[in-house]
């Protein structure tokens, strides 16, 4: 496990995408560690509401080089994160180039899942992330790209809500396994790579501790909910040719998962953090308990 350090001479760590689910987790953890943080956002009011006075807020847009330059001025480390969109490559390369001009020494990128990137040509989202990774490899700053597998807080959380509502877990192929990872583990690894003496590689494939099928998810939910939850095959909804980038990307994710591409585990989380990643079983128990508490309040 690498030794952690504090940020260089009090320079703020810049975080893009800070108002999203993962971005919030990363910022909150940095603040808890008393690290100075500057968030670059086109939603400054939202950022101030989320983080109060605990962070610096740098308003701006990825397409505005002047605001990017202001955001990265005086910093040495950058967390690069942005939503799935047709502008992902342009936006992230713009941030990286501004960071180089400002003398940033380390970039930690939240990338696409490994199975969307390699082999190329199967995912428009994965191909976009791969293009950014190639650009980062050509730049002076040390860069590491984190490739999280399927996020529990996205697809698995939707599955749990579905099961609570109608006692079914639907998937295009219920025997296809997934190495789900908890977003909190992604955040913890991101923090580690921002603060460690050195990064642990050019790309890190992040997964949970085990591979779980939709049928197994249904069995776990049956136990936690104390009622029968069935796993059912459900054909994916066709995506029209004129669908936007995000919906086309998600449709490709569904097809790749059904083909078994997300059925992988690695020991990266354990080796870096000195503990196992959170499991699907614990996430389900925690999520169901939180839903029950909310319903009773």
Protein backbone atom coordinates (compact mmCIF):
# COMPACT_ATOMS: atom_id res chain seq x y z
CA UNK A 1 0.00 0.00 0.00
CA UNK A 2 1.50 3.35 -1.06
CA UNK A 3 2.26 6.04 1.48
CA UNK A 4 -0.14 8.96 1.28
CA UNK A 5 0.97 12.57 1.35
CA UNK A 6 -0.83 15.87 1.63
CA UNK A 7 -1.20 18.19 -1.33
CA UNK A 8 1.86 20.16 -2.39
CA UNK A 9 2.46 23.32 -0.33
CA UNK A 10 -1.25 23.83 0.28
CA UNK A 11 -2.04 24.06 -3.44
CA UNK A 12 -5.71 23.19 -4.07
CA UNK A 13 -6.66 19.96 -5.79
CA UNK A 14 -8.93 20.81 -8.71
CA UNK A 15 -11.96 18.56 -9.22
CA UNK A 16 -14.13 18.67 -12.33
CA UNK A 17 -17.57 17.04 -12.32
CA UNK A 18 -17.81 17.76 -8.59
CA UNK A 19 -21.61 18.08 -8.46
CA UNK A 20 -22.27 14.58 -9.79
CA UNK A 21 -22.63 11.46 -7.62
CA UNK A 22 -19.00 10.40 -7.76
CA UNK A 23 -17.63 13.94 -7.78
CA UNK A 24 -19.46 14.73 -4.55
CA UNK A 25 -18.00 11.66 -2.85
CA UNK A 26 -14.48 12.62 -3.92
CA UNK A 27 -14.81 16.23 -2.78
CA UNK A 28 -16.33 15.24 0.57
CA UNK A 29 -13.47 12.81 1.22
CA UNK A 30 -10.83 15.39 0.32
CA UNK A 31 -12.45 17.95 2.59
CA UNK A 32 -12.61 15.40 5.43
CA UNK A 33 -8.86 14.92 4.98
CA UNK A 34 -8.47 18.71 5.23
CA UNK A 35 -7.16 18.96 1.69
CA UNK A 36 -7.74 22.29 -0.06
CA UNK A 37 -10.18 21.73 -2.95
CA UNK A 38 -11.23 23.86 -5.88
CA UNK A 39 -14.22 22.67 -7.92
CA UNK A 40 -14.62 23.68 -11.54
CA UNK A 41 -18.31 23.79 -12.39
CA UNK A 42 -20.89 25.40 -14.63
CA UNK A 43 -23.29 25.16 -11.68
CA UNK A 44 -21.61 27.30 -9.00
CA UNK A 45 -24.84 27.77 -7.03
CA UNK A 46 -25.29 24.00 -6.77
CA UNK A 47 -21.66 23.55 -5.74
CA UNK A 48 -21.95 26.18 -3.01
CA UNK A 49 -25.12 24.55 -1.72
CA UNK A 50 -23.46 21.13 -1.65
CA UNK A 51 -20.15 22.13 -0.13
CA UNK A 52 -20.82 25.43 1.68
CA UNK A 53 -17.55 27.27 2.31
CA UNK A 54 -15.44 24.12 2.50
CA UNK A 55 -14.18 24.42 -1.09
CA UNK A 56 -13.19 27.08 -3.59
CA UNK A 57 -15.67 27.35 -6.45
CA UNK A 58 -14.32 28.14 -9.91
CA UNK A 59 -17.28 28.80 -12.22
CA UNK A 60 -16.91 28.14 -15.90
CA UNK A 61 -17.49 25.85 -18.82
CA UNK A 62 -15.28 23.24 -20.45
CA UNK A 63 -15.47 25.15 -23.72
CA UNK A 64 -14.25 28.39 -22.14
CA UNK A 65 -10.43 28.30 -22.01
CA UNK A 66 -10.25 31.47 -19.93
CA UNK A 67 -12.34 29.94 -17.13
CA UNK A 68 -10.33 26.71 -17.38
CA UNK A 69 -7.07 28.62 -17.02
CA UNK A 70 -8.42 30.40 -13.95
CA UNK A 71 -9.58 27.12 -12.41
CA UNK A 72 -6.23 25.30 -12.71
CA UNK A 73 -3.98 28.25 -11.87
CA UNK A 74 -1.77 27.49 -8.88
CA UNK A 75 -2.66 23.82 -8.62
CA UNK A 76 -0.52 20.71 -8.98
CA UNK A 77 -3.12 17.93 -9.01
CA UNK A 78 -6.31 17.46 -10.98
CA UNK A 79 -9.22 15.02 -10.79
CA UNK A 80 -10.67 14.78 -14.29
CA UNK A 81 -14.32 13.72 -14.46
CA UNK A 82 -17.19 14.65 -16.77
CA UNK A 83 -20.53 13.09 -17.78
CA UNK A 84 -21.08 10.82 -20.77
CA UNK A 85 -21.64 13.12 -23.73
CA UNK A 86 -20.67 13.71 -27.32
CA UNK A 87 -18.31 16.43 -26.04
CA UNK A 88 -16.41 14.21 -23.62
CA UNK A 89 -13.22 14.08 -25.69
CA UNK A 90 -13.15 17.78 -26.49
CA UNK A 91 -14.04 18.78 -22.94
CA UNK A 92 -11.52 16.58 -21.16
CA UNK A 93 -8.68 17.32 -23.56
CA UNK A 94 -9.40 21.01 -23.05
CA UNK A 95 -9.05 20.61 -19.28
CA UNK A 96 -5.87 18.55 -19.66
CA UNK A 97 -4.25 21.09 -21.97
CA UNK A 98 -5.09 23.95 -19.60
CA UNK A 99 -3.62 21.89 -16.76
CA UNK A 100 -0.38 21.38 -18.68
CA UNK A 101 -0.10 25.11 -19.33
CA UNK A 102 -0.60 25.76 -15.60
CA UNK A 103 2.12 23.31 -14.56
CA UNK A 104 -0.11 20.60 -13.12
CA UNK A 105 2.01 17.60 -12.16
CA UNK A 106 -0.57 14.83 -11.79
CA UNK A 107 -3.91 14.04 -13.42
CA UNK A 108 -6.25 11.33 -12.12
CA UNK A 109 -8.93 10.58 -14.70
CA UNK A 110 -12.17 8.73 -14.08
CA UNK A 111 -12.36 6.76 -17.30
CA UNK A 112 -14.73 4.24 -18.84
CA UNK A 113 -15.03 0.60 -17.85
CA UNK A 114 -12.21 -1.57 -19.14
CA UNK A 115 -14.66 -3.71 -21.12
CA UNK A 116 -15.94 -0.63 -23.00
CA UNK A 117 -12.42 0.43 -23.98
CA UNK A 118 -10.69 -2.80 -24.92
CA UNK A 119 -11.12 -3.97 -27.60
CA UNK A 120 -12.01 -0.70 -29.32
CA UNK A 121 -15.01 -0.19 -31.57
CA UNK A 122 -17.71 -1.67 -29.32
CA UNK A 123 -18.63 1.40 -27.31
CA UNK A 124 -18.80 5.04 -28.32
CA UNK A 125 -18.27 5.97 -24.69
CA UNK A 126 -15.29 3.65 -24.30
CA UNK A 127 -13.74 4.91 -27.52
CA UNK A 128 -14.12 8.50 -26.28
CA UNK A 129 -12.41 7.70 -22.98
CA UNK A 130 -9.65 5.85 -24.84
CA UNK A 131 -8.99 8.94 -26.96
CA UNK A 132 -8.58 11.04 -23.80
CA UNK A 133 -6.30 8.41 -22.25
CA UNK A 134 -4.06 8.49 -25.35
CA UNK A 135 -3.88 12.27 -25.14
CA UNK A 136 -2.96 12.16 -21.46
CA UNK A 137 -0.17 9.69 -22.25
CA UNK A 138 1.38 12.28 -24.60
CA UNK A 139 1.48 15.05 -21.98
CA UNK A 140 4.17 15.89 -19.38
CA UNK A 141 2.06 15.39 -16.21
CA UNK A 142 1.92 11.96 -14.63
CA UNK A 143 -1.54 10.58 -15.41
CA UNK A 144 -3.48 7.56 -14.21
CA UNK A 145 -6.87 6.54 -15.59
CA UNK A 146 -9.25 4.68 -13.30
CA UNK A 147 -11.50 2.27 -15.19
CA UNK A 148 -14.40 1.37 -12.90
CA UNK A 149 -16.53 -1.63 -13.78
CA UNK A 150 -20.35 -1.34 -13.52
CA UNK A 151 -21.29 1.06 -10.68
CA UNK A 152 -23.54 -0.25 -7.93
CA UNK A 153 -25.06 3.20 -7.44
CA UNK A 154 -26.29 3.28 -11.04
CA UNK A 155 -27.45 -0.01 -12.57
CA UNK A 156 -27.67 -2.05 -9.36
CA UNK A 157 -29.55 0.68 -7.50
CA UNK A 158 -32.12 0.74 -10.32
CA UNK A 159 -32.44 -3.04 -10.08
CA UNK A 160 -33.13 -2.82 -6.33
CA UNK A 161 -35.83 -0.17 -6.86
CA UNK A 162 -37.44 -2.40 -9.48
CA UNK A 163 -37.42 -5.39 -7.15
CA UNK A 164 -38.95 -3.43 -4.28
CA UNK A 165 -41.71 -2.22 -6.60
CA UNK A 166 -42.64 -5.42 -8.45
CA UNK A 167 -40.60 -8.34 -7.03
CA UNK A 168 -38.63 -8.91 -10.23
CA UNK A 169 -35.09 -8.41 -11.45
CA UNK A 170 -35.12 -8.00 -15.23
CA UNK A 171 -32.01 -8.30 -17.39
CA UNK A 172 -31.32 -9.10 -21.05
CA UNK A 173 -29.44 -12.20 -19.86
CA UNK A 174 -29.95 -13.18 -16.23
CA UNK A 175 -26.91 -15.49 -16.17
CA UNK A 176 -24.49 -12.79 -17.32
CA UNK A 177 -22.12 -11.92 -14.50
CA UNK A 178 -21.03 -8.44 -13.47
CA UNK A 179 -18.12 -7.36 -11.26
CA UNK A 180 -20.04 -4.44 -9.74
CA UNK A 181 -18.06 -1.78 -7.87
CA UNK A 182 -19.30 0.65 -5.23
CA UNK A 183 -18.79 4.32 -6.13
CA UNK A 184 -17.38 4.87 -2.64
CA UNK A 185 -14.54 2.50 -3.52
CA UNK A 186 -13.95 4.38 -6.76
CA UNK A 187 -13.75 7.61 -4.76
CA UNK A 188 -11.35 6.08 -2.23
CA UNK A 189 -9.01 4.87 -4.99
CA UNK A 190 -9.18 8.28 -6.68
CA UNK A 191 -8.19 9.97 -3.41
CA UNK A 192 -5.37 7.47 -2.96
CA UNK A 193 -3.99 8.18 -6.42
CA UNK A 194 -4.27 11.94 -5.94
CA UNK A 195 -2.35 11.87 -2.65
CA UNK A 196 0.05 8.94 -3.01
CA UNK A 197 3.77 9.54 -3.48
CA UNK A 198 3.40 8.00 -6.93
CA UNK A 199 0.59 6.62 -9.06
CA UNK A 200 0.17 2.85 -9.31
CA UNK A 201 0.09 2.55 -13.09
CA UNK A 202 -1.19 4.18 -16.25
CA UNK A 203 -4.60 2.46 -16.03
CA UNK A 204 -6.29 0.76 -13.08
CA UNK A 205 -9.21 -1.62 -13.62
CA UNK A 206 -11.50 -1.29 -10.58
CA UNK A 207 -14.04 -4.00 -9.71
CA UNK A 208 -15.87 -5.37 -6.72
CA UNK A 209 -14.81 -8.58 -4.93
CA UNK A 210 -16.99 -10.98 -6.88
CA UNK A 211 -18.97 -11.59 -10.05
CA UNK A 212 -22.74 -11.60 -9.55
CA UNK A 213 -25.50 -12.53 -12.00
CA UNK A 214 -29.01 -11.08 -12.13
CA UNK A 215 -30.29 -14.41 -10.81
CA UNK A 216 -27.97 -14.12 -7.79
CA UNK A 217 -29.05 -10.51 -7.24
CA UNK A 218 -32.66 -11.72 -7.16
CA UNK A 219 -31.74 -14.38 -4.58
CA UNK A 220 -29.98 -11.81 -2.39
CA UNK A 221 -32.96 -9.48 -2.63
CA UNK A 222 -35.34 -12.32 -1.75
CA UNK A 223 -33.39 -12.87 1.46
CA UNK A 224 -33.17 -9.20 2.43
CA UNK A 225 -36.77 -8.34 1.49
CA UNK A 226 -38.08 -11.60 2.97
CA UNK A 227 -40.24 -12.29 -0.05
CA UNK A 228 -39.77 -13.98 -3.40
CA UNK A 229 -37.99 -11.94 -6.08
CA UNK A 230 -37.82 -13.50 -9.55
CA UNK A 231 -35.10 -13.04 -12.16
CA UNK A 232 -36.56 -12.64 -15.65
CA UNK A 233 -35.04 -12.23 -19.07
CA UNK A 234 -36.09 -8.99 -20.70
CA UNK A 235 -35.07 -7.97 -24.20
CA UNK A 236 -33.33 -4.58 -24.27
CA UNK A 237 -35.37 -1.66 -25.56
CA UNK A 238 -34.31 -0.87 -29.16
CA UNK A 239 -32.42 2.41 -29.54
CA UNK A 240 -33.30 4.60 -32.49
CA UNK A 241 -30.57 5.75 -34.84
CA UNK A 242 -31.25 9.37 -33.93
CA UNK A 243 -30.95 8.81 -30.15
CA UNK A 244 -28.53 11.09 -28.35
CA UNK A 245 -24.99 10.05 -27.43
CA UNK A 246 -25.79 9.08 -23.85
CA UNK A 247 -28.72 6.80 -24.73
CA UNK A 248 -26.74 5.09 -27.51
CA UNK A 249 -23.84 4.59 -25.10
CA UNK A 250 -26.09 3.06 -22.43
CA UNK A 251 -27.66 0.70 -24.99
CA UNK A 252 -24.17 -0.49 -25.88
CA UNK A 253 -23.36 -1.04 -22.20
CA UNK A 254 -26.43 -3.26 -21.88
CA UNK A 255 -25.41 -5.38 -24.87
CA UNK A 256 -21.82 -5.76 -23.66
CA UNK A 257 -22.94 -6.75 -20.15
CA UNK A 258 -25.35 -9.33 -21.61
CA UNK A 259 -22.42 -10.72 -23.60
CA UNK A 260 -20.51 -11.28 -20.36
CA UNK A 261 -17.94 -8.54 -20.93
CA UNK A 262 -18.37 -7.06 -17.44
CA UNK A 263 -17.76 -10.41 -15.70
CA UNK A 264 -14.35 -9.56 -14.26
CA UNK A 265 -12.70 -9.01 -10.91
CA UNK A 266 -9.34 -7.52 -9.97
CA UNK A 267 -7.46 -7.06 -6.70
CA UNK A 268 -6.67 -3.38 -7.35
CA UNK A 269 -8.92 -1.97 -4.61
CA UNK A 270 -7.58 -4.35 -1.99
CA UNK A 271 -3.93 -3.83 -2.97
CA UNK A 272 -4.20 -0.03 -2.87
CA UNK A 273 -6.50 0.47 0.11
CA UNK A 274 -5.52 -2.50 2.24
CA UNK A 275 -9.13 -3.70 2.50
CA UNK A 276 -11.55 -5.57 0.24
CA UNK A 277 -13.97 -3.62 -1.94
CA UNK A 278 -17.58 -3.43 -0.81
CA UNK A 279 -19.71 -6.38 -1.90
CA UNK A 280 -23.01 -6.55 -3.73
CA UNK A 281 -24.59 -8.30 -0.75
CA UNK A 282 -23.62 -5.48 1.64
CA UNK A 283 -24.74 -2.83 -0.84
CA UNK A 284 -28.16 -4.48 -1.23
CA UNK A 285 -28.64 -4.76 2.54
CA UNK A 286 -27.61 -1.15 3.07
CA UNK A 287 -29.71 0.16 0.17
CA UNK A 288 -32.85 -1.72 1.20
CA UNK A 289 -32.45 -0.59 4.82
CA UNK A 290 -32.11 3.02 3.69
CA UNK A 291 -35.24 2.74 1.55
CA UNK A 292 -37.19 1.24 4.45
CA UNK A 293 -36.07 3.99 6.81
CA UNK A 294 -37.07 6.64 4.30
CA UNK A 295 -40.51 5.06 3.87
CA UNK A 296 -41.06 5.05 7.65
CA UNK A 297 -39.97 8.66 8.18
